[in-house]
Amino acid sequence: MSLKYPALQKIRALRPDWRAGVLAATAIGDLVGLEGDFVAVSTVTATPRRIREADDADKAIYGWTVNDALGMSRMISRGVEGLITDDPATARKVLEVRAQLSAPERLLLSLADIIGLETVKQ
């Protein structure tokens, strides 16, 4: 992942089998037109609408930098395809816990995010 297109192009040339993406560090317009397999955006920019637009264009959105379990769960509920984190152990635990939730429980988590409810941290 890189902020700069030349670096992204070099990675793609050296390792065409690796997923490579762009880090969109600032608020910009149409993210789906950016080169790369994915676009990494801040959690503020990773809105459900933006994620749907990217999905419709077959572009993956990754959320960054997400280091707390609640934020990770929120981003997963929104539909990001990847998380950029300094705490992969917590991300793995969040994925394990979410995998054990029923469909209605996952739906409730998504709805809580949509209407702006804060869920309880444990």
PDB file of N, CA and C in Angstrom:
ATOM      1  N   MET A   1       0.858  -1.164   0.000  1.00  0.00           N
ATOM      2  CA  MET A   1       0.000   0.000   0.000  1.00  0.00           C
ATOM      3  C   MET A   1       0.904   1.227   0.000  1.00  0.00           C
ATOM      4  N   SER A   2       0.469   2.229  -0.723  1.00  0.00           N
ATOM      5  CA  SER A   2       1.274   3.438  -0.800  1.00  0.00           C
ATOM      6  C   SER A   2       0.391   4.652  -1.017  1.00  0.00           C
ATOM      7  N   LEU A   3       0.897   5.784  -0.611  1.00  0.00           N
ATOM      8  CA  LEU A   3       0.264   7.070  -0.890  1.00  0.00           C
ATOM      9  C   LEU A   3       0.561   7.533  -2.313  1.00  0.00           C
ATOM     10  N   LYS A   4       1.586   6.968  -2.917  1.00  0.00           N
ATOM     11  CA  LYS A   4       2.080   7.466  -4.198  1.00  0.00           C
ATOM     12  C   LYS A   4       1.917   6.426  -5.295  1.00  0.00           C
ATOM     13  N   TYR A   5       1.375   6.881  -6.426  1.00  0.00           N
ATOM     14  CA  TYR A   5       1.158   5.982  -7.551  1.00  0.00           C
ATOM     15  C   TYR A   5       2.438   5.346  -8.086  1.00  0.00           C
ATOM     16  N   PRO A   6       3.558   6.081  -8.210  1.00  0.00           N
ATOM     17  CA  PRO A   6       4.768   5.437  -8.724  1.00  0.00           C
ATOM     18  C   PRO A   6       5.196   4.232  -7.874  1.00  0.00           C
ATOM     19  N   ALA A   7       5.068   4.349  -6.563  1.00  0.00           N
ATOM     20  CA  ALA A   7       5.421   3.221  -5.691  1.00  0.00           C
ATOM     21  C   ALA A   7       4.456   2.060  -5.906  1.00  0.00           C
ATOM     22  N   LEU A   8       3.183   2.360  -6.049  1.00  0.00           N
ATOM     23  CA  LEU A   8       2.188   1.325  -6.302  1.00  0.00           C
ATOM     24  C   LEU A   8       2.474   0.614  -7.624  1.00  0.00           C
ATOM     25  N   GLN A   9       2.792   1.380  -8.657  1.00  0.00           N
ATOM     26  CA  GLN A   9       3.093   0.794  -9.953  1.00  0.00           C
ATOM     27  C   GLN A   9       4.348  -0.077  -9.890  1.00  0.00           C
ATOM     28  N   LYS A  10       5.333   0.337  -9.113  1.00  0.00           N
ATOM     29  CA  LYS A  10       6.562  -0.447  -8.973  1.00  0.00           C
ATOM     30  C   LYS A  10       6.280  -1.774  -8.261  1.00  0.00           C
ATOM     31  N   ILE A  11       5.466  -1.705  -7.193  1.00  0.00           N
ATOM     32  CA  ILE A  11       5.104  -2.932  -6.478  1.00  0.00           C
ATOM     33  C   ILE A  11       4.377  -3.881  -7.412  1.00  0.00           C
ATOM     34  N   ARG A  12       3.436  -3.365  -8.175  1.00  0.00           N
ATOM     35  CA  ARG A  12       2.662  -4.207  -9.104  1.00  0.00           C
ATOM     36  C   ARG A  12       3.564  -4.827 -10.166  1.00  0.00           C
ATOM     37  N   ALA A  13       4.593  -4.099 -10.604  1.00  0.00           N
ATOM     38  CA  ALA A  13       5.512  -4.641 -11.600  1.00  0.00           C
ATOM     39  C   ALA A  13       6.404  -5.723 -10.994  1.00  0.00           C
ATOM     40  N   LEU A  14       6.858  -5.492  -9.747  1.00  0.00           N
ATOM     41  CA  LEU A  14       7.747  -6.451  -9.093  1.00  0.00           C
ATOM     42  C   LEU A  14       7.015  -7.693  -8.590  1.00  0.00           C
ATOM     43  N   ARG A  15       5.809  -7.492  -8.088  1.00  0.00           N
ATOM     44  CA  ARG A  15       5.032  -8.581  -7.484  1.00  0.00           C
ATOM     45  C   ARG A  15       3.594  -8.547  -7.999  1.00  0.00           C
ATOM     46  N   PRO A  16       3.368  -8.941  -9.230  1.00  0.00           N
ATOM     47  CA  PRO A  16       2.011  -8.854  -9.792  1.00  0.00           C
ATOM     48  C   PRO A  16       0.994  -9.734  -9.071  1.00  0.00           C
ATOM     49  N   ASP A  17       1.451 -10.732  -8.329  1.00  0.00           N
ATOM     50  CA  ASP A  17       0.538 -11.614  -7.600  1.00  0.00           C
ATOM     51  C   ASP A  17       0.130 -11.048  -6.234  1.00  0.00           C
ATOM     52  N   TRP A  18       0.760  -9.975  -5.781  1.00  0.00           N
ATOM     53  CA  TRP A  18       0.408  -9.343  -4.514  1.00  0.00           C
ATOM     54  C   TRP A  18      -0.739  -8.366  -4.714  1.00  0.00           C
ATOM     55  N   ARG A  19      -1.593  -8.256  -3.692  1.00  0.00           N
ATOM     56  CA  ARG A  19      -2.622  -7.211  -3.707  1.00  0.00           C
ATOM     57  C   ARG A  19      -1.935  -5.900  -3.352  1.00  0.00           C
ATOM     58  N   ALA A  20      -2.206  -4.887  -4.127  1.00  0.00           N
ATOM     59  CA  ALA A  20      -1.589  -3.584  -3.897  1.00  0.00           C
ATOM     60  C   ALA A  20      -2.676  -2.517  -3.955  1.00  0.00           C
ATOM     61  N   GLY A  21      -2.548  -1.546  -3.070  1.00  0.00           N
ATOM     62  CA  GLY A  21      -3.586  -0.529  -3.017  1.00  0.00           C
ATOM     63  C   GLY A  21      -3.057   0.852  -2.708  1.00  0.00           C
ATOM     64  N   VAL A  22      -3.985   1.786  -2.777  1.00  0.00           N
ATOM     65  CA  VAL A  22      -3.700   3.199  -2.573  1.00  0.00           C
ATOM     66  C   VAL A  22      -4.222   3.618  -1.206  1.00  0.00           C
ATOM     67  N   LEU A  23      -3.425   4.363  -0.480  1.00  0.00           N
ATOM     68  CA  LEU A  23      -3.860   4.955   0.774  1.00  0.00           C
ATOM     69  C   LEU A  23      -4.370   6.355   0.465  1.00  0.00           C
ATOM     70  N   ALA A  24      -5.672   6.538   0.605  1.00  0.00           N
ATOM     71  CA  ALA A  24      -6.285   7.848   0.355  1.00  0.00           C
ATOM     72  C   ALA A  24      -6.298   8.595   1.682  1.00  0.00           C
ATOM     73  N   ALA A  25      -5.252   9.354   1.934  1.00  0.00           N
ATOM     74  CA  ALA A  25      -5.072   9.993   3.237  1.00  0.00           C
ATOM     75  C   ALA A  25      -5.891  11.255   3.399  1.00  0.00           C
ATOM     76  N   THR A  26      -6.360  11.811   2.312  1.00  0.00           N
ATOM     77  CA  THR A  26      -7.153  13.034   2.404  1.00  0.00           C
ATOM     78  C   THR A  26      -8.509  12.799   1.761  1.00  0.00           C
ATOM     79  N   ALA A  27      -9.461  13.627   2.088  1.00  0.00           N
ATOM     80  CA  ALA A  27     -10.791  13.513   1.499  1.00  0.00           C
ATOM     81  C   ALA A  27     -10.708  13.902   0.030  1.00  0.00           C
ATOM     82  N   ILE A  28     -11.087  12.972  -0.824  1.00  0.00           N
ATOM     83  CA  ILE A  28     -11.063  13.231  -2.260  1.00  0.00           C
ATOM     84  C   ILE A  28     -12.366  12.760  -2.858  1.00  0.00           C
ATOM     85  N   GLY A  29     -12.559  13.026  -4.115  1.00  0.00           N
ATOM     86  CA  GLY A  29     -13.816  12.696  -4.790  1.00  0.00           C
ATOM     87  C   GLY A  29     -14.018  11.213  -5.006  1.00  0.00           C
ATOM     88  N   ASP A  30     -13.982  10.794  -6.253  1.00  0.00           N
ATOM     89  CA  ASP A  30     -14.312   9.435  -6.658  1.00  0.00           C
ATOM     90  C   ASP A  30     -13.156   8.484  -6.365  1.00  0.00           C
ATOM     91  N   LEU A  31     -13.292   7.693  -5.318  1.00  0.00           N
ATOM     92  CA  LEU A  31     -12.235   6.757  -4.937  1.00  0.00           C
ATOM     93  C   LEU A  31     -12.151   5.561  -5.870  1.00  0.00           C
ATOM     94  N   VAL A  32     -13.257   5.191  -6.486  1.00  0.00           N
ATOM     95  CA  VAL A  32     -13.263   3.969  -7.280  1.00  0.00           C
ATOM     96  C   VAL A  32     -12.434   4.104  -8.545  1.00  0.00           C
ATOM     97  N   GLY A  33     -12.114   5.325  -8.946  1.00  0.00           N
ATOM     98  CA  GLY A  33     -11.290   5.513 -10.127  1.00  0.00           C
ATOM     99  C   GLY A  33      -9.800   5.373  -9.853  1.00  0.00           C
ATOM    100  N   LEU A  34      -9.418   5.250  -8.603  1.00  0.00           N
ATOM    101  CA  LEU A  34      -8.000   5.129  -8.261  1.00  0.00           C
ATOM    102  C   LEU A  34      -7.475   3.751  -8.635  1.00  0.00           C
ATOM    103  N   GLU A  35      -6.214   3.715  -9.025  1.00  0.00           N
ATOM    104  CA  GLU A  35      -5.579   2.448  -9.363  1.00  0.00           C
ATOM    105  C   GLU A  35      -5.418   1.587  -8.114  1.00  0.00           C
ATOM    106  N   GLY A  36      -5.220   0.313  -8.346  1.00  0.00           N
ATOM    107  CA  GLY A  36      -4.945  -0.602  -7.248  1.00  0.00           C
ATOM    108  C   GLY A  36      -6.079  -1.574  -7.026  1.00  0.00           C
ATOM    109  N   ASP A  37      -5.769  -2.610  -6.263  1.00  0.00           N
ATOM    110  CA  ASP A  37      -6.762  -3.633  -5.930  1.00  0.00           C
ATOM    111  C   ASP A  37      -7.703  -3.153  -4.841  1.00  0.00           C
ATOM    112  N   PHE A  38      -7.226  -2.218  -4.041  1.00  0.00           N
ATOM    113  CA  PHE A  38      -8.049  -1.672  -2.970  1.00  0.00           C
ATOM    114  C   PHE A  38      -7.678  -0.223  -2.722  1.00  0.00           C
ATOM    115  N   VAL A  39      -8.562   0.460  -2.035  1.00  0.00           N
ATOM    116  CA  VAL A  39      -8.305   1.824  -1.580  1.00  0.00           C
ATOM    117  C   VAL A  39      -8.472   1.815  -0.071  1.00  0.00           C
ATOM    118  N   ALA A  40      -7.461   2.263   0.635  1.00  0.00           N
ATOM    119  CA  ALA A  40      -7.521   2.351   2.091  1.00  0.00           C
ATOM    120  C   ALA A  40      -7.930   3.769   2.469  1.00  0.00           C
ATOM    121  N   VAL A  41      -8.991   3.864   3.268  1.00  0.00           N
ATOM    122  CA  VAL A  41      -9.514   5.170   3.677  1.00  0.00           C
ATOM    123  C   VAL A  41      -9.643   5.210   5.191  1.00  0.00           C
ATOM    124  N   SER A  42      -9.687   6.413   5.734  1.00  0.00           N
ATOM    125  CA  SER A  42      -9.875   6.561   7.175  1.00  0.00           C
ATOM    126  C   SER A  42     -11.264   6.058   7.548  1.00  0.00           C
ATOM    127  N   THR A  43     -11.442   5.748   8.798  1.00  0.00           N
ATOM    128  CA  THR A  43     -12.741   5.253   9.254  1.00  0.00           C
ATOM    129  C   THR A  43     -13.837   6.280   9.056  1.00  0.00           C
ATOM    130  N   VAL A  44     -13.482   7.555   9.072  1.00  0.00           N
ATOM    131  CA  VAL A  44     -14.469   8.616   8.834  1.00  0.00           C
ATOM    132  C   VAL A  44     -14.934   8.592   7.381  1.00  0.00           C
ATOM    133  N   THR A  45     -14.027   8.305   6.484  1.00  0.00           N
ATOM    134  CA  THR A  45     -14.337   8.268   5.056  1.00  0.00           C
ATOM    135  C   THR A  45     -15.021   6.968   4.646  1.00  0.00           C
ATOM    136  N   ALA A  46     -14.869   5.914   5.443  1.00  0.00           N
ATOM    137  CA  ALA A  46     -15.445   4.602   5.116  1.00  0.00           C
ATOM    138  C   ALA A  46     -16.927   4.567   5.481  1.00  0.00           C
ATOM    139  N   THR A  47     -17.701   5.384   4.780  1.00  0.00           N
ATOM    140  CA  THR A  47     -19.138   5.436   5.027  1.00  0.00           C
ATOM    141  C   THR A  47     -19.824   4.293   4.280  1.00  0.00           C
ATOM    142  N   PRO A  48     -20.991   3.867   4.744  1.00  0.00           N
ATOM    143  CA  PRO A  48     -21.710   2.815   4.018  1.00  0.00           C
ATOM    144  C   PRO A  48     -21.934   3.168   2.544  1.00  0.00           C
ATOM    145  N   ARG A  49     -22.243   4.424   2.266  1.00  0.00           N
ATOM    146  CA  ARG A  49     -22.467   4.841   0.869  1.00  0.00           C
ATOM    147  C   ARG A  49     -21.199   4.685   0.038  1.00  0.00           C
ATOM    148  N   ARG A  50     -20.078   5.150   0.563  1.00  0.00           N
ATOM    149  CA  ARG A  50     -18.809   5.046  -0.168  1.00  0.00           C
ATOM    150  C   ARG A  50     -18.425   3.585  -0.374  1.00  0.00           C
ATOM    151  N   ILE A  51     -18.667   2.760   0.610  1.00  0.00           N
ATOM    152  CA  ILE A  51     -18.335   1.338   0.490  1.00  0.00           C
ATOM    153  C   ILE A  51     -19.219   0.685  -0.573  1.00  0.00           C
ATOM    154  N   ARG A  52     -20.503   1.038  -0.608  1.00  0.00           N
ATOM    155  CA  ARG A  52     -21.404   0.503  -1.650  1.00  0.00           C
ATOM    156  C   ARG A  52     -20.946   0.933  -3.042  1.00  0.00           C
ATOM    157  N   GLU A  53     -20.585   2.199  -3.184  1.00  0.00           N
ATOM    158  CA  GLU A  53     -20.117   2.703  -4.477  1.00  0.00           C
ATOM    159  C   GLU A  53     -18.874   1.935  -4.933  1.00  0.00           C
ATOM    160  N   ALA A  54     -17.953   1.704  -4.015  1.00  0.00           N
ATOM    161  CA  ALA A  54     -16.744   0.966  -4.354  1.00  0.00           C
ATOM    162  C   ALA A  54     -17.083  -0.478  -4.716  1.00  0.00           C
ATOM    163  N   ASP A  55     -17.968  -1.076  -3.956  1.00  0.00           N
ATOM    164  CA  ASP A  55     -18.375  -2.451  -4.227  1.00  0.00           C
ATOM    165  C   ASP A  55     -19.019  -2.562  -5.612  1.00  0.00           C
ATOM    166  N   ASP A  56     -19.860  -1.595  -5.956  1.00  0.00           N
ATOM    167  CA  ASP A  56     -20.504  -1.583  -7.275  1.00  0.00           C
ATOM    168  C   ASP A  56     -19.477  -1.486  -8.403  1.00  0.00           C
ATOM    169  N   ALA A  57     -18.324  -0.898  -8.118  1.00  0.00           N
ATOM    170  CA  ALA A  57     -17.264  -0.745  -9.115  1.00  0.00           C
ATOM    171  C   ALA A  57     -16.187  -1.827  -8.975  1.00  0.00           C
ATOM    172  N   ASP A  58     -16.482  -2.870  -8.189  1.00  0.00           N
ATOM    173  CA  ASP A  58     -15.525  -3.963  -7.949  1.00  0.00           C
ATOM    174  C   ASP A  58     -14.199  -3.473  -7.377  1.00  0.00           C
ATOM    175  N   LYS A  59     -14.280  -2.489  -6.495  1.00  0.00           N
ATOM    176  CA  LYS A  59     -13.095  -1.955  -5.828  1.00  0.00           C
ATOM    177  C   LYS A  59     -13.241  -2.209  -4.334  1.00  0.00           C
ATOM    178  N   ALA A  60     -12.237  -2.772  -3.724  1.00  0.00           N
ATOM    179  CA  ALA A  60     -12.275  -3.053  -2.293  1.00  0.00           C
ATOM    180  C   ALA A  60     -11.905  -1.807  -1.499  1.00  0.00           C
ATOM    181  N   ILE A  61     -12.570  -1.625  -0.374  1.00  0.00           N
ATOM    182  CA  ILE A  61     -12.251  -0.541   0.557  1.00  0.00           C
ATOM    183  C   ILE A  61     -11.709  -1.160   1.846  1.00  0.00           C
ATOM    184  N   TYR A  62     -10.578  -0.654   2.316  1.00  0.00           N
ATOM    185  CA  TYR A  62     -10.001  -1.049   3.590  1.00  0.00           C
ATOM    186  C   TYR A  62     -10.120   0.149   4.528  1.00  0.00           C
ATOM    187  N   GLY A  63     -10.410  -0.096   5.796  1.00  0.00           N
ATOM    188  CA  GLY A  63     -10.473   0.962   6.796  1.00  0.00           C
ATOM    189  C   GLY A  63      -9.161   1.054   7.555  1.00  0.00           C
ATOM    190  N   TRP A  64      -8.684   2.291   7.794  1.00  0.00           N
ATOM    191  CA  TRP A  64      -7.449   2.470   8.546  1.00  0.00           C
ATOM    192  C   TRP A  64      -7.594   3.597   9.551  1.00  0.00           C
ATOM    193  N   THR A  65      -6.773   3.717  10.427  1.00  0.00           N
ATOM    194  CA  THR A  65      -6.118   2.693  11.222  1.00  0.00           C
ATOM    195  C   THR A  65      -7.086   2.377  12.355  1.00  0.00           C
ATOM    196  N   VAL A  66      -7.491   1.142  12.441  1.00  0.00           N
ATOM    197  CA  VAL A  66      -8.522   0.722  13.384  1.00  0.00           C
ATOM    198  C   VAL A  66      -7.860  -0.178  14.423  1.00  0.00           C
ATOM    199  N   ASN A  67      -7.760   0.335  15.653  1.00  0.00           N
ATOM    200  CA  ASN A  67      -7.046  -0.405  16.690  1.00  0.00           C
ATOM    201  C   ASN A  67      -7.905  -0.859  17.859  1.00  0.00           C
ATOM    202  N   ASP A  68      -9.190  -0.526  17.860  1.00  0.00           N
ATOM    203  CA  ASP A  68     -10.044  -0.965  18.963  1.00  0.00           C
ATOM    204  C   ASP A  68     -11.123  -1.906  18.428  1.00  0.00           C
ATOM    205  N   ALA A  69     -11.549  -2.819  19.276  1.00  0.00           N
ATOM    206  CA  ALA A  69     -12.503  -3.864  18.876  1.00  0.00           C
ATOM    207  C   ALA A  69     -13.813  -3.278  18.363  1.00  0.00           C
ATOM    208  N   LEU A  70     -14.319  -2.257  19.016  1.00  0.00           N
ATOM    209  CA  LEU A  70     -15.578  -1.652  18.601  1.00  0.00           C
ATOM    210  C   LEU A  70     -15.462  -1.031  17.205  1.00  0.00           C
ATOM    211  N   GLY A  71     -14.393  -0.306  16.977  1.00  0.00           N
ATOM    212  CA  GLY A  71     -14.174   0.288  15.658  1.00  0.00           C
ATOM    213  C   GLY A  71     -14.008  -0.766  14.582  1.00  0.00           C
ATOM    214  N   MET A  72     -13.322  -1.852  14.902  1.00  0.00           N
ATOM    215  CA  MET A  72     -13.148  -2.947  13.948  1.00  0.00           C
ATOM    216  C   MET A  72     -14.499  -3.554  13.589  1.00  0.00           C
ATOM    217  N   SER A  73     -15.304  -3.823  14.603  1.00  0.00           N
ATOM    218  CA  SER A  73     -16.622  -4.406  14.373  1.00  0.00           C
ATOM    219  C   SER A  73     -17.492  -3.468  13.544  1.00  0.00           C
ATOM    220  N   ARG A  74     -17.401  -2.181  13.838  1.00  0.00           N
ATOM    221  CA  ARG A  74     -18.177  -1.183  13.092  1.00  0.00           C
ATOM    222  C   ARG A  74     -17.779  -1.187  11.617  1.00  0.00           C
ATOM    223  N   MET A  75     -16.493  -1.211  11.339  1.00  0.00           N
ATOM    224  CA  MET A  75     -16.028  -1.214   9.951  1.00  0.00           C
ATOM    225  C   MET A  75     -16.454  -2.493   9.222  1.00  0.00           C
ATOM    226  N   ILE A  76     -16.394  -3.620   9.919  1.00  0.00           N
ATOM    227  CA  ILE A  76     -16.832  -4.879   9.317  1.00  0.00           C
ATOM    228  C   ILE A  76     -18.322  -4.824   9.014  1.00  0.00           C
ATOM    229  N   SER A  77     -19.104  -4.274   9.937  1.00  0.00           N
ATOM    230  CA  SER A  77     -20.543  -4.133   9.709  1.00  0.00           C
ATOM    231  C   SER A  77     -20.830  -3.252   8.500  1.00  0.00           C
ATOM    232  N   ARG A  78     -20.012  -2.251   8.293  1.00  0.00           N
ATOM    233  CA  ARG A  78     -20.217  -1.359   7.145  1.00  0.00           C
ATOM    234  C   ARG A  78     -19.862  -2.028   5.821  1.00  0.00           C
ATOM    235  N   GLY A  79     -19.036  -3.072   5.888  1.00  0.00           N
ATOM    236  CA  GLY A  79     -18.723  -3.810   4.673  1.00  0.00           C
ATOM    237  C   GLY A  79     -17.333  -3.626   4.115  1.00  0.00           C
ATOM    238  N   VAL A  80     -16.397  -3.062   4.905  1.00  0.00           N
ATOM    239  CA  VAL A  80     -15.030  -2.980   4.394  1.00  0.00           C
ATOM    240  C   VAL A  80     -14.503  -4.390   4.158  1.00  0.00           C
ATOM    241  N   GLU A  81     -13.621  -4.511   3.205  1.00  0.00           N
ATOM    242  CA  GLU A  81     -13.057  -5.818   2.894  1.00  0.00           C
ATOM    243  C   GLU A  81     -11.755  -6.078   3.632  1.00  0.00           C
ATOM    244  N   GLY A  82     -11.218  -5.052   4.266  1.00  0.00           N
ATOM    245  CA  GLY A  82      -9.985  -5.226   5.006  1.00  0.00           C
ATOM    246  C   GLY A  82      -9.838  -4.151   6.066  1.00  0.00           C
ATOM    247  N   LEU A  83      -9.063  -4.477   7.078  1.00  0.00           N
ATOM    248  CA  LEU A  83      -8.751  -3.539   8.160  1.00  0.00           C
ATOM    249  C   LEU A  83      -7.250  -3.344   8.200  1.00  0.00           C
ATOM    250  N   ILE A  84      -6.847  -2.122   8.377  1.00  0.00           N
ATOM    251  CA  ILE A  84      -5.440  -1.827   8.615  1.00  0.00           C
ATOM    252  C   ILE A  84      -5.351  -1.464  10.086  1.00  0.00           C
ATOM    253  N   THR A  85      -4.529  -2.218  10.807  1.00  0.00           N
ATOM    254  CA  THR A  85      -4.481  -2.088  12.262  1.00  0.00           C
ATOM    255  C   THR A  85      -3.068  -2.292  12.776  1.00  0.00           C
ATOM    256  N   ASP A  86      -2.818  -1.731  13.948  1.00  0.00           N
ATOM    257  CA  ASP A  86      -1.576  -1.989  14.668  1.00  0.00           C
ATOM    258  C   ASP A  86      -1.764  -3.134  15.659  1.00  0.00           C
ATOM    259  N   ASP A  87      -2.971  -3.693  15.709  1.00  0.00           N
ATOM    260  CA  ASP A  87      -3.304  -4.719  16.689  1.00  0.00           C
ATOM    261  C   ASP A  87      -4.004  -5.913  16.019  1.00  0.00           C
ATOM    262  N   PRO A  88      -3.259  -6.712  15.245  1.00  0.00           N
ATOM    263  CA  PRO A  88      -3.877  -7.838  14.539  1.00  0.00           C
ATOM    264  C   PRO A  88      -4.486  -8.886  15.466  1.00  0.00           C
ATOM    265  N   ALA A  89      -3.986  -9.023  16.672  1.00  0.00           N
ATOM    266  CA  ALA A  89      -4.558 -10.001  17.604  1.00  0.00           C
ATOM    267  C   ALA A  89      -5.997  -9.619  17.962  1.00  0.00           C
ATOM    268  N   THR A  90      -6.234  -8.336  18.190  1.00  0.00           N
ATOM    269  CA  THR A  90      -7.594  -7.890  18.483  1.00  0.00           C
ATOM    270  C   THR A  90      -8.484  -8.081  17.255  1.00  0.00           C
ATOM    271  N   ALA A  91      -7.966  -7.785  16.077  1.00  0.00           N
ATOM    272  CA  ALA A  91      -8.753  -7.973  14.848  1.00  0.00           C
ATOM    273  C   ALA A  91      -9.153  -9.439  14.684  1.00  0.00           C
ATOM    274  N   ARG A  92      -8.235 -10.326  14.956  1.00  0.00           N
ATOM    275  CA  ARG A  92      -8.532 -11.759  14.853  1.00  0.00           C
ATOM    276  C   ARG A  92      -9.625 -12.154  15.845  1.00  0.00           C
ATOM    277  N   LYS A  93      -9.549 -11.635  17.065  1.00  0.00           N
ATOM    278  CA  LYS A  93     -10.556 -11.929  18.096  1.00  0.00           C
ATOM    279  C   LYS A  93     -11.930 -11.392  17.679  1.00  0.00           C
ATOM    280  N   VAL A  94     -11.962 -10.166  17.140  1.00  0.00           N
ATOM    281  CA  VAL A  94     -13.220  -9.584  16.678  1.00  0.00           C
ATOM    282  C   VAL A  94     -13.834 -10.474  15.598  1.00  0.00           C
ATOM    283  N   LEU A  95     -13.030 -10.933  14.666  1.00  0.00           N
ATOM    284  CA  LEU A  95     -13.538 -11.807  13.608  1.00  0.00           C
ATOM    285  C   LEU A  95     -14.077 -13.115  14.172  1.00  0.00           C
ATOM    286  N   GLU A  96     -13.380 -13.662  15.171  1.00  0.00           N
ATOM    287  CA  GLU A  96     -13.843 -14.901  15.804  1.00  0.00           C
ATOM    288  C   GLU A  96     -15.187 -14.694  16.506  1.00  0.00           C
ATOM    289  N   VAL A  97     -15.308 -13.608  17.255  1.00  0.00           N
ATOM    290  CA  VAL A  97     -16.554 -13.332  17.975  1.00  0.00           C
ATOM    291  C   VAL A  97     -17.688 -13.084  16.994  1.00  0.00           C
ATOM    292  N   ARG A  98     -17.437 -12.290  15.958  1.00  0.00           N
ATOM    293  CA  ARG A  98     -18.482 -11.996  14.972  1.00  0.00           C
ATOM    294  C   ARG A  98     -18.926 -13.258  14.245  1.00  0.00           C
ATOM    295  N   ALA A  99     -18.012 -14.188  14.017  1.00  0.00           N
ATOM    296  CA  ALA A  99     -18.359 -15.433  13.330  1.00  0.00           C
ATOM    297  C   ALA A  99     -19.333 -16.269  14.160  1.00  0.00           C
ATOM    298  N   GLN A 100     -19.337 -16.075  15.467  1.00  0.00           N
ATOM    299  CA  GLN A 100     -20.232 -16.818  16.349  1.00  0.00           C
ATOM    300  C   GLN A 100     -21.593 -16.151  16.504  1.00  0.00           C
ATOM    301  N   LEU A 101     -21.740 -14.921  16.026  1.00  0.00           N
ATOM    302  CA  LEU A 101     -23.009 -14.213  16.148  1.00  0.00           C
ATOM    303  C   LEU A 101     -24.010 -14.750  15.123  1.00  0.00           C
ATOM    304  N   SER A 102     -25.255 -14.701  15.506  1.00  0.00           N
ATOM    305  CA  SER A 102     -26.315 -15.072  14.573  1.00  0.00           C
ATOM    306  C   SER A 102     -26.525 -13.928  13.580  1.00  0.00           C
ATOM    307  N   ALA A 103     -27.222 -14.206  12.506  1.00  0.00           N
ATOM    308  CA  ALA A 103     -27.527 -13.162  11.517  1.00  0.00           C
ATOM    309  C   ALA A 103     -28.290 -11.998  12.161  1.00  0.00           C
ATOM    310  N   PRO A 104     -29.306 -12.267  13.005  1.00  0.00           N
ATOM    311  CA  PRO A 104     -29.993 -11.132  13.652  1.00  0.00           C
ATOM    312  C   PRO A 104     -29.064 -10.311  14.549  1.00  0.00           C
ATOM    313  N   GLU A 105     -28.138 -10.943  15.236  1.00  0.00           N
ATOM    314  CA  GLU A 105     -27.201 -10.197  16.092  1.00  0.00           C
ATOM    315  C   GLU A 105     -26.286  -9.309  15.241  1.00  0.00           C
ATOM    316  N   ARG A 106     -25.803  -9.837  14.110  1.00  0.00           N
ATOM    317  CA  ARG A 106     -24.973  -9.016  13.217  1.00  0.00           C
ATOM    318  C   ARG A 106     -25.786  -7.860  12.636  1.00  0.00           C
ATOM    319  N   LEU A 107     -27.059  -8.124  12.329  1.00  0.00           N
ATOM    320  CA  LEU A 107     -27.932  -7.073  11.815  1.00  0.00           C
ATOM    321  C   LEU A 107     -28.112  -5.969  12.858  1.00  0.00           C
ATOM    322  N   LEU A 108     -28.290  -6.350  14.112  1.00  0.00           N
ATOM    323  CA  LEU A 108     -28.434  -5.353  15.177  1.00  0.00           C
ATOM    324  C   LEU A 108     -27.180  -4.495  15.315  1.00  0.00           C
ATOM    325  N   LEU A 109     -26.014  -5.102  15.175  1.00  0.00           N
ATOM    326  CA  LEU A 109     -24.766  -4.325  15.223  1.00  0.00           C
ATOM    327  C   LEU A 109     -24.731  -3.316  14.076  1.00  0.00           C
ATOM    328  N   SER A 110     -25.125  -3.751  12.899  1.00  0.00           N
ATOM    329  CA  SER A 110     -25.143  -2.849  11.742  1.00  0.00           C
ATOM    330  C   SER A 110     -26.132  -1.707  11.951  1.00  0.00           C
ATOM    331  N   LEU A 111     -27.311  -2.038  12.454  1.00  0.00           N
ATOM    332  CA  LEU A 111     -28.328  -1.012  12.690  1.00  0.00           C
ATOM    333  C   LEU A 111     -27.879  -0.019  13.762  1.00  0.00           C
ATOM    334  N   ALA A 112     -27.198  -0.500  14.782  1.00  0.00           N
ATOM    335  CA  ALA A 112     -26.692   0.395  15.832  1.00  0.00           C
ATOM    336  C   ALA A 112     -25.741   1.416  15.232  1.00  0.00           C
ATOM    337  N   ASP A 113     -24.904   0.994  14.301  1.00  0.00           N
ATOM    338  CA  ASP A 113     -23.980   1.915  13.644  1.00  0.00           C
ATOM    339  C   ASP A 113     -24.747   2.902  12.769  1.00  0.00           C
ATOM    340  N   ILE A 114     -25.723   2.427  12.026  1.00  0.00           N
ATOM    341  CA  ILE A 114     -26.480   3.282  11.112  1.00  0.00           C
ATOM    342  C   ILE A 114     -27.207   4.396  11.859  1.00  0.00           C
ATOM    343  N   ILE A 115     -27.812   4.053  13.000  1.00  0.00           N
ATOM    344  CA  ILE A 115     -28.578   5.074  13.718  1.00  0.00           C
ATOM    345  C   ILE A 115     -27.736   5.802  14.768  1.00  0.00           C
ATOM    346  N   GLY A 116     -26.461   5.441  14.859  1.00  0.00           N
ATOM    347  CA  GLY A 116     -25.568   6.184  15.723  1.00  0.00           C
ATOM    348  C   GLY A 116     -25.558   5.792  17.181  1.00  0.00           C
ATOM    349  N   LEU A 117     -26.047   4.591  17.488  1.00  0.00           N
ATOM    350  CA  LEU A 117     -25.993   4.127  18.876  1.00  0.00           C
ATOM    351  C   LEU A 117     -24.585   3.683  19.225  1.00  0.00           C
ATOM    352  N   GLU A 118     -24.174   4.013  20.406  1.00  0.00           N
ATOM    353  CA  GLU A 118     -22.887   3.528  20.891  1.00  0.00           C
ATOM    354  C   GLU A 118     -23.132   2.197  21.597  1.00  0.00           C
ATOM    355  N   THR A 119     -22.399   1.188  21.192  1.00  0.00           N
ATOM    356  CA  THR A 119     -22.508  -0.091  21.867  1.00  0.00           C
ATOM    357  C   THR A 119     -21.561  -0.098  23.058  1.00  0.00           C
ATOM    358  N   VAL A 120     -21.787  -0.974  23.981  1.00  0.00           N
ATOM    359  CA  VAL A 120     -21.014  -1.027  25.220  1.00  0.00           C
ATOM    360  C   VAL A 120     -19.695  -1.723  24.991  1.00  0.00           C
ATOM    361  N   LYS A 121     -18.616  -1.109  25.419  1.00  0.00           N
ATOM    362  CA  LYS A 121     -17.310  -1.755  25.372  1.00  0.00           C
ATOM    363  C   LYS A 121     -17.184  -2.685  26.564  1.00  0.00           C
ATOM    364  N   GLN A 122     -16.566  -3.832  26.322  1.00  0.00           N
ATOM    365  CA  GLN A 122     -16.343  -4.765  27.422  1.00  0.00           C
ATOM    366  C   GLN A 122     -14.902  -5.045  27.585  1.00  0.00           C
TER     367      GLN A 122
END
